C-alpha atoms as a PDB file:
ATOM      1  CA  UNK A   1      -0.870 -34.356  -5.384  1.00  0.00           C
ATOM      2  CA  UNK A   2      -1.277 -33.143  -1.841  1.00  0.00           C
ATOM      3  CA  UNK A   3       2.106 -31.386  -1.874  1.00  0.00           C
ATOM      4  CA  UNK A   4       1.200 -29.576  -5.108  1.00  0.00           C
ATOM      5  CA  UNK A   5      -2.026 -28.368  -3.474  1.00  0.00           C
ATOM      6  CA  UNK A   6      -0.075 -27.055  -0.469  1.00  0.00           C
ATOM      7  CA  UNK A   7       2.398 -25.220  -2.734  1.00  0.00           C
ATOM      8  CA  UNK A   8      -0.447 -23.613  -4.642  1.00  0.00           C
ATOM      9  CA  UNK A   9      -2.074 -22.545  -1.343  1.00  0.00           C
ATOM     10  CA  UNK A  10       1.230 -21.092  -0.181  1.00  0.00           C
ATOM     11  CA  UNK A  11       1.690 -19.064  -3.391  1.00  0.00           C
ATOM     12  CA  UNK A  12      -1.881 -17.910  -3.308  1.00  0.00           C
ATOM     13  CA  UNK A  13      -1.468 -16.668   0.280  1.00  0.00           C
ATOM     14  CA  UNK A  14       1.783 -14.980  -0.623  1.00  0.00           C
ATOM     15  CA  UNK A  15       0.110 -13.260  -3.650  1.00  0.00           C
ATOM     16  CA  UNK A  16      -2.670 -11.970  -1.357  1.00  0.00           C
ATOM     17  CA  UNK A  17      -0.121 -10.727   1.198  1.00  0.00           C
ATOM     18  CA  UNK A  18       1.871  -8.972  -1.497  1.00  0.00           C
ATOM     19  CA  UNK A  19      -1.202  -7.326  -2.884  1.00  0.00           C
ATOM     20  CA  UNK A  20      -2.254  -6.025   0.534  1.00  0.00           C
ATOM     21  CA  UNK A  21       1.255  -4.740   1.185  1.00  0.00           C
ATOM     22  CA  UNK A  22       1.276  -2.847  -2.096  1.00  0.00           C
ATOM     23  CA  UNK A  23      -2.095  -1.256  -1.407  1.00  0.00           C
ATOM     24  CA  UNK A  24      -0.989  -0.302   2.088  1.00  0.00           C
ATOM     25  CA  UNK A  25       2.193   1.351   0.746  1.00  0.00           C
ATOM     26  CA  UNK A  26       0.145   3.207  -1.795  1.00  0.00           C
ATOM     27  CA  UNK A  27      -2.180   4.530   0.853  1.00  0.00           C
ATOM     28  CA  UNK A  28       0.816   5.654   3.013  1.00  0.00           C
ATOM     29  CA  UNK A  29       2.411   7.415   0.056  1.00  0.00           C
ATOM     30  CA  UNK A  30      -0.857   9.214  -0.791  1.00  0.00           C
ATOM     31  CA  UNK A  31      -1.335  10.269   2.859  1.00  0.00           C
ATOM     32  CA  UNK A  32       2.197  11.791   2.943  1.00  0.00           C
ATOM     33  CA  UNK A  33       1.517  13.563  -0.374  1.00  0.00           C
ATOM     34  CA  UNK A  34      -1.765  15.002   0.929  1.00  0.00           C
ATOM     35  CA  UNK A  35      -0.085  16.192   4.107  1.00  0.00           C
ATOM     36  CA  UNK A  36       2.609  17.901   2.060  1.00  0.00           C
ATOM     37  CA  UNK A  37       0.017  19.565  -0.205  1.00  0.00           C
ATOM     38  CA  UNK A  38      -1.977  20.764   2.853  1.00  0.00           C
ATOM     39  CA  UNK A  39       1.136  22.311   4.379  1.00  0.00           C
ATOM     40  CA  UNK A  40       2.045  24.057   1.131  1.00  0.00           C
ATOM     41  CA  UNK A  41      -1.499  25.433   0.785  1.00  0.00           C
ATOM     42  CA  UNK A  42      -1.560  26.663   4.364  1.00  0.00           C
ATOM     43  CA  UNK A  43       1.843  28.313   3.854  1.00  0.00           C
ATOM     44  CA  UNK A  44       0.712  29.988   0.569  1.00  0.00           C
ATOM     45  CA  UNK A  45      -2.569  31.220   2.215  1.00  0.00           C
ATOM     46  CA  UNK A  46      -0.628  32.975   4.951  1.00  0.00           C
ATOM     47  CA  UNK A  47       1.343  35.026   2.480  1.00  0.00           C
END
C-alpha cells in the first residue's frame, strides 16, 4: 500500500512538472512571436 502511494505521488509530481514545462514553453513562444511582430511593425512604420 505504501509503495502504491509513493508511485501515485511520483506521477502526480511528474504531471505538475510537465504542466509547468508546457506553460513555460508557451510563454517563450508567445514572447518570440511578439518580438517578431514588433520588429515587423517598426520596419513597416519606417517605410
